PDB file of N, CA and C in Angstrom:
ATOM      1  N   UNK A   1       0.545  -2.323   5.542  1.00  0.00           N
ATOM      2  CA  UNK A   1      -0.813  -2.511   5.083  1.00  0.00           C
ATOM      3  C   UNK A   1      -1.808  -1.980   6.102  1.00  0.00           C
ATOM      4  N   UNK A   2      -1.441  -2.014   7.367  1.00  0.00           N
ATOM      5  CA  UNK A   2      -2.358  -1.530   8.398  1.00  0.00           C
ATOM      6  C   UNK A   2      -2.749  -0.079   8.186  1.00  0.00           C
ATOM      7  N   UNK A   3      -1.781   0.722   7.708  1.00  0.00           N
ATOM      8  CA  UNK A   3      -2.079   2.132   7.435  1.00  0.00           C
ATOM      9  C   UNK A   3      -3.123   2.261   6.326  1.00  0.00           C
ATOM     10  N   UNK A   4      -2.997   1.448   5.300  1.00  0.00           N
ATOM     11  CA  UNK A   4      -3.971   1.472   4.205  1.00  0.00           C
ATOM     12  C   UNK A   4      -5.343   1.060   4.720  1.00  0.00           C
ATOM     13  N   UNK A   5      -5.388   0.005   5.519  1.00  0.00           N
ATOM     14  CA  UNK A   5      -6.658  -0.475   6.065  1.00  0.00           C
ATOM     15  C   UNK A   5      -7.315   0.624   6.902  1.00  0.00           C
ATOM     16  N   UNK A   6      -6.541   1.292   7.739  1.00  0.00           N
ATOM     17  CA  UNK A   6      -7.103   2.359   8.578  1.00  0.00           C
ATOM     18  C   UNK A   6      -7.613   3.523   7.732  1.00  0.00           C
ATOM     19  N   UNK A   7      -6.918   3.838   6.649  1.00  0.00           N
ATOM     20  CA  UNK A   7      -7.384   4.895   5.746  1.00  0.00           C
ATOM     21  C   UNK A   7      -8.736   4.517   5.139  1.00  0.00           C
ATOM     22  N   UNK A   8      -8.886   3.257   4.738  1.00  0.00           N
ATOM     23  CA  UNK A   8     -10.154   2.799   4.167  1.00  0.00           C
ATOM     24  C   UNK A   8     -11.262   2.870   5.211  1.00  0.00           C
ATOM     25  N   UNK A   9     -10.971   2.403   6.423  1.00  0.00           N
ATOM     26  CA  UNK A   9     -11.961   2.443   7.502  1.00  0.00           C
ATOM     27  C   UNK A   9     -12.439   3.877   7.728  1.00  0.00           C
ATOM     28  N   UNK A  10     -11.496   4.816   7.819  1.00  0.00           N
ATOM     29  CA  UNK A  10     -11.840   6.211   8.099  1.00  0.00           C
ATOM     30  C   UNK A  10     -12.572   6.876   6.941  1.00  0.00           C
ATOM     31  N   UNK A  11     -12.097   6.656   5.733  1.00  0.00           N
ATOM     32  CA  UNK A  11     -12.659   7.360   4.585  1.00  0.00           C
ATOM     33  C   UNK A  11     -13.959   6.759   4.070  1.00  0.00           C
ATOM     34  N   UNK A  12     -14.079   5.437   4.149  1.00  0.00           N
ATOM     35  CA  UNK A  12     -15.248   4.774   3.592  1.00  0.00           C
ATOM     36  C   UNK A  12     -16.268   4.438   4.673  1.00  0.00           C
ATOM     37  N   UNK A  13     -15.781   4.259   5.895  1.00  0.00           N
ATOM     38  CA  UNK A  13     -16.683   3.977   7.000  1.00  0.00           C
ATOM     39  C   UNK A  13     -17.163   2.537   7.043  1.00  0.00           C
ATOM     40  N   UNK A  14     -16.292   1.609   6.654  1.00  0.00           N
ATOM     41  CA  UNK A  14     -16.649   0.198   6.726  1.00  0.00           C
ATOM     42  C   UNK A  14     -15.843  -0.455   7.839  1.00  0.00           C
ATOM     43  N   UNK A  15     -16.307  -1.621   8.324  1.00  0.00           N
ATOM     44  CA  UNK A  15     -15.572  -2.312   9.393  1.00  0.00           C
ATOM     45  C   UNK A  15     -14.166  -2.696   8.941  1.00  0.00           C
ATOM     46  N   UNK A  16     -13.262  -2.826   9.913  1.00  0.00           N
ATOM     47  CA  UNK A  16     -11.864  -3.119   9.617  1.00  0.00           C
ATOM     48  C   UNK A  16     -11.687  -4.422   8.848  1.00  0.00           C
ATOM     49  N   UNK A  17     -12.452  -5.458   9.175  1.00  0.00           N
ATOM     50  CA  UNK A  17     -12.284  -6.725   8.455  1.00  0.00           C
ATOM     51  C   UNK A  17     -12.640  -6.583   6.978  1.00  0.00           C
ATOM     52  N   UNK A  18     -13.664  -5.803   6.682  1.00  0.00           N
ATOM     53  CA  UNK A  18     -14.048  -5.568   5.279  1.00  0.00           C
ATOM     54  C   UNK A  18     -13.009  -4.687   4.588  1.00  0.00           C
ATOM     55  N   UNK A  19     -12.484  -3.696   5.303  1.00  0.00           N
ATOM     56  CA  UNK A  19     -11.449  -2.821   4.745  1.00  0.00           C
ATOM     57  C   UNK A  19     -10.194  -3.623   4.428  1.00  0.00           C
ATOM     58  N   UNK A  20      -9.834  -4.562   5.303  1.00  0.00           N
ATOM     59  CA  UNK A  20      -8.657  -5.402   5.067  1.00  0.00           C
ATOM     60  C   UNK A  20      -8.859  -6.271   3.828  1.00  0.00           C
ATOM     61  N   UNK A  21     -10.058  -6.814   3.654  1.00  0.00           N
ATOM     62  CA  UNK A  21     -10.336  -7.623   2.467  1.00  0.00           C
ATOM     63  C   UNK A  21     -10.259  -6.761   1.202  1.00  0.00           C
ATOM     64  N   UNK A  22     -10.796  -5.552   1.261  1.00  0.00           N
ATOM     65  CA  UNK A  22     -10.750  -4.650   0.104  1.00  0.00           C
ATOM     66  C   UNK A  22      -9.316  -4.275  -0.238  1.00  0.00           C
ATOM     67  N   UNK A  23      -8.532  -3.944   0.773  1.00  0.00           N
ATOM     68  CA  UNK A  23      -7.133  -3.579   0.545  1.00  0.00           C
ATOM     69  C   UNK A  23      -6.374  -4.749  -0.060  1.00  0.00           C
ATOM     70  N   UNK A  24      -6.574  -5.954   0.455  1.00  0.00           N
ATOM     71  CA  UNK A  24      -5.873  -7.124  -0.060  1.00  0.00           C
ATOM     72  C   UNK A  24      -6.271  -7.402  -1.497  1.00  0.00           C
ATOM     73  N   UNK A  25      -7.537  -7.207  -1.832  1.00  0.00           N
ATOM     74  CA  UNK A  25      -8.006  -7.400  -3.199  1.00  0.00           C
ATOM     75  C   UNK A  25      -7.283  -6.457  -4.157  1.00  0.00           C
ATOM     76  N   UNK A  26      -7.186  -5.186  -3.776  1.00  0.00           N
ATOM     77  CA  UNK A  26      -6.517  -4.193  -4.620  1.00  0.00           C
ATOM     78  C   UNK A  26      -5.025  -4.502  -4.725  1.00  0.00           C
ATOM     79  N   UNK A  27      -4.402  -4.838  -3.615  1.00  0.00           N
ATOM     80  CA  UNK A  27      -2.967  -5.149  -3.618  1.00  0.00           C
ATOM     81  C   UNK A  27      -2.681  -6.360  -4.507  1.00  0.00           C
ATOM     82  N   UNK A  28      -3.483  -7.400  -4.377  1.00  0.00           N
ATOM     83  CA  UNK A  28      -3.289  -8.597  -5.210  1.00  0.00           C
ATOM     84  C   UNK A  28      -3.460  -8.262  -6.689  1.00  0.00           C
ATOM     85  N   UNK A  29      -4.436  -7.426  -6.993  1.00  0.00           N
ATOM     86  CA  UNK A  29      -4.660  -7.020  -8.384  1.00  0.00           C
ATOM     87  C   UNK A  29      -3.459  -6.246  -8.918  1.00  0.00           C
ATOM     88  N   UNK A  30      -2.968  -5.284  -8.136  1.00  0.00           N
ATOM     89  CA  UNK A  30      -1.801  -4.503  -8.551  1.00  0.00           C
ATOM     90  C   UNK A  30      -0.584  -5.393  -8.759  1.00  0.00           C
ATOM     91  N   UNK A  31      -0.336  -6.285  -7.816  1.00  0.00           N
ATOM     92  CA  UNK A  31       0.823  -7.165  -7.914  1.00  0.00           C
ATOM     93  C   UNK A  31       0.740  -8.047  -9.160  1.00  0.00           C
ATOM     94  N   UNK A  32      -0.460  -8.403  -9.573  1.00  0.00           N
ATOM     95  CA  UNK A  32      -0.633  -9.200 -10.781  1.00  0.00           C
ATOM     96  C   UNK A  32      -0.373  -8.410 -12.053  1.00  0.00           C
ATOM     97  N   UNK A  33      -0.498  -7.101 -11.981  1.00  0.00           N
ATOM     98  CA  UNK A  33      -0.312  -6.245 -13.149  1.00  0.00           C
ATOM     99  C   UNK A  33       1.079  -5.628 -13.238  1.00  0.00           C
ATOM    100  N   UNK A  34       1.782  -5.548 -12.113  1.00  0.00           N
ATOM    101  CA  UNK A  34       3.087  -4.897 -12.073  1.00  0.00           C
ATOM    102  C   UNK A  34       4.210  -5.858 -12.444  1.00  0.00           C
ATOM    103  N   UNK A  35       5.309  -5.318 -12.994  1.00  0.00           N
ATOM    104  CA  UNK A  35       6.491  -6.169 -13.213  1.00  0.00           C
ATOM    105  C   UNK A  35       6.986  -6.733 -11.879  1.00  0.00           C
ATOM    106  N   UNK A  36       7.632  -7.868 -11.922  1.00  0.00           N
ATOM    107  CA  UNK A  36       8.078  -8.562 -10.714  1.00  0.00           C
ATOM    108  C   UNK A  36       8.900  -7.719  -9.773  1.00  0.00           C
ATOM    109  N   UNK A  37       9.809  -6.904 -10.302  1.00  0.00           N
ATOM    110  CA  UNK A  37      10.662  -6.102  -9.424  1.00  0.00           C
ATOM    111  C   UNK A  37       9.852  -5.070  -8.640  1.00  0.00           C
ATOM    112  N   UNK A  38       8.880  -4.475  -9.285  1.00  0.00           N
ATOM    113  CA  UNK A  38       8.053  -3.476  -8.596  1.00  0.00           C
ATOM    114  C   UNK A  38       7.101  -4.169  -7.633  1.00  0.00           C
ATOM    115  N   UNK A  39       6.605  -5.323  -8.022  1.00  0.00           N
ATOM    116  CA  UNK A  39       5.739  -6.097  -7.136  1.00  0.00           C
ATOM    117  C   UNK A  39       6.472  -6.449  -5.843  1.00  0.00           C
ATOM    118  N   UNK A  40       7.751  -6.814  -5.965  1.00  0.00           N
ATOM    119  CA  UNK A  40       8.571  -7.118  -4.783  1.00  0.00           C
ATOM    120  C   UNK A  40       8.769  -5.897  -3.907  1.00  0.00           C
ATOM    121  N   UNK A  41       8.947  -4.735  -4.539  1.00  0.00           N
ATOM    122  CA  UNK A  41       9.090  -3.491  -3.775  1.00  0.00           C
ATOM    123  C   UNK A  41       7.797  -3.176  -3.034  1.00  0.00           C
ATOM    124  N   UNK A  42       6.672  -3.441  -3.668  1.00  0.00           N
ATOM    125  CA  UNK A  42       5.375  -3.221  -3.032  1.00  0.00           C
ATOM    126  C   UNK A  42       5.242  -4.124  -1.810  1.00  0.00           C
ATOM    127  N   UNK A  43       5.637  -5.381  -1.945  1.00  0.00           N
ATOM    128  CA  UNK A  43       5.615  -6.302  -0.802  1.00  0.00           C
ATOM    129  C   UNK A  43       6.474  -5.780   0.343  1.00  0.00           C
ATOM    130  N   UNK A  44       7.686  -5.318   0.017  1.00  0.00           N
ATOM    131  CA  UNK A  44       8.592  -4.796   1.049  1.00  0.00           C
ATOM    132  C   UNK A  44       7.977  -3.597   1.758  1.00  0.00           C
ATOM    133  N   UNK A  45       7.381  -2.710   0.996  1.00  0.00           N
ATOM    134  CA  UNK A  45       6.763  -1.526   1.581  1.00  0.00           C
ATOM    135  C   UNK A  45       5.611  -1.913   2.502  1.00  0.00           C
ATOM    136  N   UNK A  46       4.755  -2.805   2.040  1.00  0.00           N
ATOM    137  CA  UNK A  46       3.561  -3.168   2.809  1.00  0.00           C
ATOM    138  C   UNK A  46       3.876  -3.952   4.068  1.00  0.00           C
ATOM    139  N   UNK A  47       4.965  -4.698   4.057  1.00  0.00           N
ATOM    140  CA  UNK A  47       5.328  -5.474   5.239  1.00  0.00           C
ATOM    141  C   UNK A  47       6.211  -4.680   6.186  1.00  0.00           C
ATOM    142  N   UNK A  48       6.594  -3.468   5.774  1.00  0.00           N
ATOM    143  CA  UNK A  48       7.406  -2.625   6.638  1.00  0.00           C
ATOM    144  C   UNK A  48       8.859  -3.020   6.691  1.00  0.00           C
ATOM    145  N   UNK A  49       9.295  -3.884   5.783  1.00  0.00           N
ATOM    146  CA  UNK A  49      10.694  -4.307   5.752  1.00  0.00           C
ATOM    147  C   UNK A  49      11.533  -3.224   5.087  1.00  0.00           C
ATOM    148  N   UNK A  50      12.715  -2.990   5.603  1.00  0.00           N
ATOM    149  CA  UNK A  50      13.577  -2.017   4.950  1.00  0.00           C
ATOM    150  C   UNK A  50      13.895  -2.480   3.540  1.00  0.00           C
ATOM    151  N   UNK A  51      13.900  -1.543   2.628  1.00  0.00           N
ATOM    152  CA  UNK A  51      14.166  -1.913   1.248  1.00  0.00           C
ATOM    153  C   UNK A  51      15.138  -0.977   0.595  1.00  0.00           C
ATOM    154  N   UNK A  52      15.177  -1.056  -0.677  1.00  0.00           N
ATOM    155  CA  UNK A  52      16.073  -0.227  -1.461  1.00  0.00           C
ATOM    156  C   UNK A  52      15.540   1.198  -1.527  1.00  0.00           C
ATOM    157  N   UNK A  53      16.348   2.073  -2.085  1.00  0.00           N
ATOM    158  CA  UNK A  53      15.915   3.458  -2.285  1.00  0.00           C
ATOM    159  C   UNK A  53      14.668   3.495  -3.165  1.00  0.00           C
ATOM    160  N   UNK A  54      14.610   2.622  -4.172  1.00  0.00           N
ATOM    161  CA  UNK A  54      13.444   2.573  -5.054  1.00  0.00           C
ATOM    162  C   UNK A  54      12.196   2.177  -4.268  1.00  0.00           C
ATOM    163  N   UNK A  55      12.341   1.233  -3.329  1.00  0.00           N
ATOM    164  CA  UNK A  55      11.218   0.822  -2.501  1.00  0.00           C
ATOM    165  C   UNK A  55      10.741   1.973  -1.619  1.00  0.00           C
ATOM    166  N   UNK A  56      11.691   2.755  -1.088  1.00  0.00           N
ATOM    167  CA  UNK A  56      11.320   3.901  -0.266  1.00  0.00           C
ATOM    168  C   UNK A  56      10.599   4.956  -1.096  1.00  0.00           C
ATOM    169  N   UNK A  57      11.043   5.168  -2.334  1.00  0.00           N
ATOM    170  CA  UNK A  57      10.351   6.123  -3.220  1.00  0.00           C
ATOM    171  C   UNK A  57       8.952   5.633  -3.515  1.00  0.00           C
ATOM    172  N   UNK A  58       8.803   4.313  -3.728  1.00  0.00           N
ATOM    173  CA  UNK A  58       7.491   3.737  -3.978  1.00  0.00           C
ATOM    174  C   UNK A  58       6.586   4.000  -2.787  1.00  0.00           C
ATOM    175  N   UNK A  59       7.096   3.786  -1.582  1.00  0.00           N
ATOM    176  CA  UNK A  59       6.310   4.033  -0.377  1.00  0.00           C
ATOM    177  C   UNK A  59       5.894   5.482  -0.258  1.00  0.00           C
ATOM    178  N   UNK A  60       6.800   6.395  -0.550  1.00  0.00           N
ATOM    179  CA  UNK A  60       6.482   7.822  -0.496  1.00  0.00           C
ATOM    180  C   UNK A  60       5.419   8.174  -1.521  1.00  0.00           C
ATOM    181  N   UNK A  61       5.520   7.606  -2.707  1.00  0.00           N
ATOM    182  CA  UNK A  61       4.541   7.881  -3.750  1.00  0.00           C
ATOM    183  C   UNK A  61       3.167   7.354  -3.369  1.00  0.00           C
ATOM    184  N   UNK A  62       3.124   6.141  -2.828  1.00  0.00           N
ATOM    185  CA  UNK A  62       1.842   5.565  -2.421  1.00  0.00           C
ATOM    186  C   UNK A  62       1.209   6.395  -1.316  1.00  0.00           C
ATOM    187  N   UNK A  63       2.000   6.769  -0.317  1.00  0.00           N
ATOM    188  CA  UNK A  63       1.476   7.568   0.783  1.00  0.00           C
ATOM    189  C   UNK A  63       0.979   8.918   0.277  1.00  0.00           C
ATOM    190  N   UNK A  64       1.708   9.519  -0.646  1.00  0.00           N
ATOM    191  CA  UNK A  64       1.295  10.789  -1.216  1.00  0.00           C
ATOM    192  C   UNK A  64      -0.016  10.680  -1.973  1.00  0.00           C
ATOM    193  N   UNK A  65      -0.198   9.599  -2.713  1.00  0.00           N
ATOM    194  CA  UNK A  65      -1.444   9.400  -3.448  1.00  0.00           C
ATOM    195  C   UNK A  65      -2.628   9.214  -2.514  1.00  0.00           C
ATOM    196  N   UNK A  66      -2.352   8.694  -1.309  1.00  0.00           N
ATOM    197  CA  UNK A  66      -3.419   8.475  -0.335  1.00  0.00           C
ATOM    198  C   UNK A  66      -3.693   9.736   0.481  1.00  0.00           C
ATOM    199  N   UNK A  67      -2.978  10.824   0.200  1.00  0.00           N
ATOM    200  CA  UNK A  67      -3.184  12.053   0.943  1.00  0.00           C
ATOM    201  C   UNK A  67      -2.393  12.115   2.225  1.00  0.00           C
ATOM    202  N   UNK A  68      -1.340  11.292   2.319  1.00  0.00           N
ATOM    203  CA  UNK A  68      -0.504  11.264   3.522  1.00  0.00           C
ATOM    204  C   UNK A  68       0.487  12.399   3.541  1.00  0.00           C
ATOM    205  N   UNK A  69       1.384  12.361   4.511  1.00  0.00           N
ATOM    206  CA  UNK A  69       2.342  13.429   4.731  1.00  0.00           C
ATOM    207  C   UNK A  69       3.558  13.331   3.840  1.00  0.00           C
ATOM    208  N   UNK A  70       3.937  12.125   3.409  1.00  0.00           N
ATOM    209  CA  UNK A  70       5.133  11.963   2.603  1.00  0.00           C
ATOM    210  C   UNK A  70       4.831  12.392   1.163  1.00  0.00           C
ATOM    211  N   UNK A  71       5.869  12.794   0.451  1.00  0.00           N
ATOM    212  CA  UNK A  71       5.714  13.139  -0.959  1.00  0.00           C
ATOM    213  C   UNK A  71       6.871  12.551  -1.745  1.00  0.00           C
ATOM    214  N   UNK A  72       6.625  12.383  -3.033  1.00  0.00           N
ATOM    215  CA  UNK A  72       7.649  11.780  -3.899  1.00  0.00           C
ATOM    216  C   UNK A  72       8.763  12.735  -4.184  1.00  0.00           C
TER     217      UNK A  72
END
């Protein structure tokens, strides 16, 4: 999650505490809309815990959507 927060800080130019609140709001919203298995993969990715191949693909996709170096 720290990477997401830093991206928000850099791109939007808001303080880190506000960026963290914004990121958490979006993450909570997504987790409420996603099926449980994908929500769990999102949790694993955000906490940096090793996960399944599907979780790693999810992480690559998220990073790619944010303009990062990884791609799906």
